[in-house]
Amino acid sequence: MKFGTDIACALGLLAGTTFGSGIAFLFGWQAYRALTSVTVFGIAGILITIAVFHLLHRRSLSTSNSR
């Protein structure tokens, strides 16, 4: 795992868990529902940011190779 991927995982986890806790707060969920929401959105955040990171990394490599 490279340094950039570690940062992507951390930011995805932070964004996902923040979003998940916000959703749980808005719906007034308690205990298990809130924990499930935070977990699901945290994992989704990690996966999304890793995918975006790899997409941007490939795009930057393809533009640097074409020069």
Protein backbone atom coordinates (compact mmCIF):
# COMPACT_ATOMS: atom_id res chain seq x y z
CA MET A 1 0.00 0.00 0.00
CA LYS A 2 1.42 3.34 -1.00
CA PHE A 3 1.42 6.55 1.02
CA GLY A 4 -1.34 8.10 -1.13
CA THR A 5 -3.63 5.11 -0.72
CA ASP A 6 -3.27 5.34 3.07
CA ILE A 7 -4.41 8.94 2.97
CA ALA A 8 -7.32 8.01 0.69
CA CYS A 9 -8.42 5.30 3.15
CA ALA A 10 -8.23 7.68 6.10
CA LEU A 11 -10.16 10.44 4.35
CA GLY A 12 -12.77 7.99 3.08
CA LEU A 13 -13.27 6.58 6.54
CA LEU A 14 -13.57 10.06 8.02
CA ALA A 15 -16.05 11.24 5.40
CA GLY A 16 -18.08 8.04 5.46
CA THR A 17 -18.41 7.82 9.23
CA THR A 18 -19.27 11.51 9.48
CA PHE A 19 -21.96 11.09 6.84
CA GLY A 20 -23.24 7.90 8.50
CA SER A 21 -23.50 9.52 11.91
CA GLY A 22 -25.27 12.51 10.38
CA ILE A 23 -27.84 10.24 8.72
CA ALA A 24 -28.33 8.36 12.01
CA PHE A 25 -28.82 11.66 13.85
CA LEU A 26 -31.35 12.97 11.32
CA PHE A 27 -33.42 9.80 11.48
CA GLY A 28 -33.13 9.63 15.26
CA TRP A 29 -31.63 6.15 15.20
CA GLN A 30 -30.24 4.68 18.40
CA ALA A 31 -27.64 2.02 19.22
CA TYR A 32 -27.47 -0.73 16.59
CA ARG A 33 -29.01 1.22 13.71
CA ALA A 34 -26.65 4.14 14.28
CA LEU A 35 -23.65 1.83 14.58
CA THR A 36 -24.66 -0.02 11.43
CA SER A 37 -25.12 3.26 9.54
CA VAL A 38 -21.69 4.55 10.58
CA THR A 39 -20.04 1.23 9.69
CA VAL A 40 -21.70 0.88 6.28
CA PHE A 41 -21.03 4.46 5.24
CA GLY A 42 -17.46 4.25 6.57
CA ILE A 43 -16.69 1.20 4.46
CA ALA A 44 -18.41 2.76 1.45
CA GLY A 45 -16.38 5.92 1.93
CA ILE A 46 -13.13 3.96 1.97
CA LEU A 47 -14.05 2.07 -1.20
CA ILE A 48 -15.17 5.20 -3.04
CA THR A 49 -12.09 7.23 -2.18
CA ILE A 50 -9.74 4.39 -3.14
CA ALA A 51 -11.52 4.08 -6.50
CA VAL A 52 -11.33 7.84 -7.09
CA PHE A 53 -7.68 7.91 -6.02
CA HIS A 54 -6.76 5.15 -8.48
CA LEU A 55 -8.75 6.83 -11.25
CA LEU A 56 -7.00 10.16 -10.70
CA HIS A 57 -3.62 8.44 -10.41
CA ARG A 58 -4.12 6.61 -13.72
CA ARG A 59 -5.31 9.80 -15.37
CA SER A 60 -2.21 11.68 -14.21
CA LEU A 61 0.03 8.87 -15.48
CA SER A 62 -1.65 8.85 -18.89
CA THR A 63 -1.24 12.63 -19.30
CA SER A 64 2.41 12.51 -18.24
CA ASN A 65 3.15 9.68 -20.71
CA SER A 66 1.57 11.55 -23.63
CA ARG A 67 3.90 14.53 -23.25
